[in-house]
Amino acid sequence: MKVEQLAELLDARIVCPADREIACGYACDLLSWVMAHGKQDMAWVTVQAHLNVIAVAVLADMSCVVAAEGVKFPPDAIAKAQSEDLALLECDKSAYEICSIMARAGIQ
């Protein structure tokens, strides 16, 4: 599934586009844990939205970061994500709802 398709499923806002394929999903808010378990082409669901989130996602070559619960990415995080070809989505749904939708759509 492409990032744009996920955004449509979640009714999420694409604040930083990237034409990336999503291979799997993950939900976690502890950056050190995500650094150890993040995977390439992953869609990461979190309530954090700052520069360190972008750095962790880029380190693992993730497809996108989905900010849950209406959390907004600041301009510096958006600019860094653009320079790294990392998609950012903002969604008003809870992380649980987002993961449920992703699982029903076949994202493991």
C-alpha atoms as a PDB file:
ATOM      1  CA  MET A   1       0.000   0.000   0.000  1.00  0.00           C
ATOM      2  CA  LYS A   2       1.219   3.506  -0.797  1.00  0.00           C
ATOM      3  CA  VAL A   3       1.375   6.300   1.790  1.00  0.00           C
ATOM      4  CA  GLU A   4      -1.324   8.250  -0.063  1.00  0.00           C
ATOM      5  CA  GLN A   5      -3.690   5.255   0.161  1.00  0.00           C
ATOM      6  CA  LEU A   6      -3.060   4.970   3.898  1.00  0.00           C
ATOM      7  CA  ALA A   7      -3.815   8.664   4.359  1.00  0.00           C
ATOM      8  CA  GLU A   8      -7.112   8.180   2.556  1.00  0.00           C
ATOM      9  CA  LEU A   9      -8.032   5.156   4.702  1.00  0.00           C
ATOM     10  CA  LEU A  10      -7.240   7.051   7.898  1.00  0.00           C
ATOM     11  CA  ASP A  11      -8.793  10.326   6.763  1.00  0.00           C
ATOM     12  CA  ALA A  12      -5.397  11.799   7.642  1.00  0.00           C
ATOM     13  CA  ARG A  13      -3.711  14.968   6.429  1.00  0.00           C
ATOM     14  CA  ILE A  14      -0.541  14.536   4.390  1.00  0.00           C
ATOM     15  CA  VAL A  15       1.749  17.286   5.678  1.00  0.00           C
ATOM     16  CA  CYS A  16       4.832  15.944   3.925  1.00  0.00           C
ATOM     17  CA  PRO A  17       4.290  13.798   0.833  1.00  0.00           C
ATOM     18  CA  ALA A  18       6.526  10.940  -0.280  1.00  0.00           C
ATOM     19  CA  ASP A  19       5.826   8.303  -2.894  1.00  0.00           C
ATOM     20  CA  ARG A  20       6.690   5.339  -0.694  1.00  0.00           C
ATOM     21  CA  GLU A  21       5.318   1.835  -0.313  1.00  0.00           C
ATOM     22  CA  ILE A  22       4.307   0.647   3.165  1.00  0.00           C
ATOM     23  CA  ALA A  23       5.424  -2.883   4.067  1.00  0.00           C
ATOM     24  CA  CYS A  24       4.381  -3.013   7.729  1.00  0.00           C
ATOM     25  CA  GLY A  25       3.162  -0.929  10.646  1.00  0.00           C
ATOM     26  CA  TYR A  26       4.307  -0.166  14.175  1.00  0.00           C
ATOM     27  CA  ALA A  27       2.979   1.803  17.139  1.00  0.00           C
ATOM     28  CA  CYS A  28       5.278   3.020  19.898  1.00  0.00           C
ATOM     29  CA  ASP A  29       6.191   6.281  21.624  1.00  0.00           C
ATOM     30  CA  LEU A  30       9.537   5.306  23.148  1.00  0.00           C
ATOM     31  CA  LEU A  31      12.192   6.442  20.674  1.00  0.00           C
ATOM     32  CA  SER A  32      14.922   4.077  21.874  1.00  0.00           C
ATOM     33  CA  TRP A  33      12.531   1.146  21.472  1.00  0.00           C
ATOM     34  CA  VAL A  34      11.626   2.237  17.939  1.00  0.00           C
ATOM     35  CA  MET A  35      15.325   2.598  17.098  1.00  0.00           C
ATOM     36  CA  ALA A  36      15.804  -1.052  18.074  1.00  0.00           C
ATOM     37  CA  HIS A  37      12.671  -2.382  16.352  1.00  0.00           C
ATOM     38  CA  GLY A  38      11.966  -0.041  13.436  1.00  0.00           C
ATOM     39  CA  LYS A  39      12.085  -1.492   9.919  1.00  0.00           C
ATOM     40  CA  GLN A  40      12.468  -0.292   6.368  1.00  0.00           C
ATOM     41  CA  ASP A  41       9.214   0.814   4.680  1.00  0.00           C
ATOM     42  CA  MET A  42       7.335   0.844   7.997  1.00  0.00           C
ATOM     43  CA  ALA A  43       4.440   3.146   8.877  1.00  0.00           C
ATOM     44  CA  TRP A  44       5.130   4.323  12.430  1.00  0.00           C
ATOM     45  CA  VAL A  45       2.197   5.486  14.572  1.00  0.00           C
ATOM     46  CA  THR A  46       3.083   7.753  17.503  1.00  0.00           C
ATOM     47  CA  VAL A  47       1.911  10.774  19.485  1.00  0.00           C
ATOM     48  CA  GLN A  48       5.348  12.365  19.234  1.00  0.00           C
ATOM     49  CA  ALA A  49       6.083  14.859  16.472  1.00  0.00           C
ATOM     50  CA  HIS A  50       9.505  16.490  16.750  1.00  0.00           C
ATOM     51  CA  LEU A  51      12.911  16.388  15.068  1.00  0.00           C
ATOM     52  CA  ASN A  52      14.078  13.305  16.959  1.00  0.00           C
ATOM     53  CA  VAL A  53      11.087  11.357  15.603  1.00  0.00           C
ATOM     54  CA  ILE A  54      12.181  12.273  12.087  1.00  0.00           C
ATOM     55  CA  ALA A  55      15.760  11.186  12.851  1.00  0.00           C
ATOM     56  CA  VAL A  56      14.628   7.787  14.152  1.00  0.00           C
ATOM     57  CA  ALA A  57      12.333   7.212  11.166  1.00  0.00           C
ATOM     58  CA  VAL A  58      15.100   8.139   8.719  1.00  0.00           C
ATOM     59  CA  LEU A  59      17.594   5.896  10.530  1.00  0.00           C
ATOM     60  CA  ALA A  60      15.306   2.901   9.874  1.00  0.00           C
ATOM     61  CA  ASP A  61      14.329   4.092   6.361  1.00  0.00           C
ATOM     62  CA  MET A  62      10.633   4.130   7.266  1.00  0.00           C
ATOM     63  CA  SER A  63       7.974   5.116   4.738  1.00  0.00           C
ATOM     64  CA  CYS A  64       6.016   7.439   6.985  1.00  0.00           C
ATOM     65  CA  VAL A  65       5.234   8.660  10.463  1.00  0.00           C
ATOM     66  CA  VAL A  66       1.588   8.968  11.465  1.00  0.00           C
ATOM     67  CA  ALA A  67       0.974  11.452  14.277  1.00  0.00           C
ATOM     68  CA  ALA A  68      -2.098  10.244  16.191  1.00  0.00           C
ATOM     69  CA  GLU A  69      -4.604  12.037  18.439  1.00  0.00           C
ATOM     70  CA  GLY A  70      -4.503  15.279  16.443  1.00  0.00           C
ATOM     71  CA  VAL A  71      -0.828  15.918  17.182  1.00  0.00           C
ATOM     72  CA  LYS A  72       0.774  18.368  14.723  1.00  0.00           C
ATOM     73  CA  PHE A  73       4.301  18.283  13.329  1.00  0.00           C
ATOM     74  CA  PRO A  74       6.235  21.541  13.828  1.00  0.00           C
ATOM     75  CA  PRO A  75       7.712  23.327  10.790  1.00  0.00           C
ATOM     76  CA  ASP A  76      11.281  22.178  11.520  1.00  0.00           C
ATOM     77  CA  ALA A  77      10.224  18.516  11.566  1.00  0.00           C
ATOM     78  CA  ILE A  78       8.288  18.937   8.312  1.00  0.00           C
ATOM     79  CA  ALA A  79      11.275  20.587   6.622  1.00  0.00           C
ATOM     80  CA  LYS A  80      13.630  17.801   7.739  1.00  0.00           C
ATOM     81  CA  ALA A  81      11.185  15.089   6.599  1.00  0.00           C
ATOM     82  CA  GLN A  82      10.921  16.755   3.176  1.00  0.00           C
ATOM     83  CA  SER A  83      14.689  16.726   2.788  1.00  0.00           C
ATOM     84  CA  GLU A  84      14.805  13.025   3.731  1.00  0.00           C
ATOM     85  CA  ASP A  85      11.863  11.794   1.556  1.00  0.00           C
ATOM     86  CA  LEU A  86       9.870  10.794   4.641  1.00  0.00           C
ATOM     87  CA  ALA A  87       6.092  11.141   4.535  1.00  0.00           C
ATOM     88  CA  LEU A  88       4.307  12.690   7.512  1.00  0.00           C
ATOM     89  CA  LEU A  89       0.613  12.206   8.236  1.00  0.00           C
ATOM     90  CA  GLU A  90      -1.500  13.882  10.914  1.00  0.00           C
ATOM     91  CA  CYS A  91      -4.578  12.015  12.079  1.00  0.00           C
ATOM     92  CA  ASP A  92      -7.243  12.845  14.651  1.00  0.00           C
ATOM     93  CA  LYS A  93      -7.860   9.164  15.447  1.00  0.00           C
ATOM     94  CA  SER A  94      -6.261   7.371  18.385  1.00  0.00           C
ATOM     95  CA  ALA A  95      -3.246   5.142  17.836  1.00  0.00           C
ATOM     96  CA  TYR A  96      -5.498   2.156  18.553  1.00  0.00           C
ATOM     97  CA  GLU A  97      -7.988   3.200  15.879  1.00  0.00           C
ATOM     98  CA  ILE A  98      -5.205   3.856  13.377  1.00  0.00           C
ATOM     99  CA  CYS A  99      -3.604   0.462  13.978  1.00  0.00           C
ATOM    100  CA  SER A 100      -6.983  -1.274  13.726  1.00  0.00           C
ATOM    101  CA  ILE A 101      -7.629   0.342  10.345  1.00  0.00           C
ATOM    102  CA  MET A 102      -4.139  -0.548   9.155  1.00  0.00           C
ATOM    103  CA  ALA A 103      -4.553  -4.179  10.243  1.00  0.00           C
ATOM    104  CA  ARG A 104      -7.934  -4.484   8.502  1.00  0.00           C
ATOM    105  CA  ALA A 105      -6.302  -3.102   5.347  1.00  0.00           C
ATOM    106  CA  GLY A 106      -3.694  -5.873   5.451  1.00  0.00           C
ATOM    107  CA  ILE A 107      -0.751  -3.940   6.879  1.00  0.00           C
ATOM    108  CA  GLN A 108       0.999  -6.277   9.308  1.00  0.00           C
END
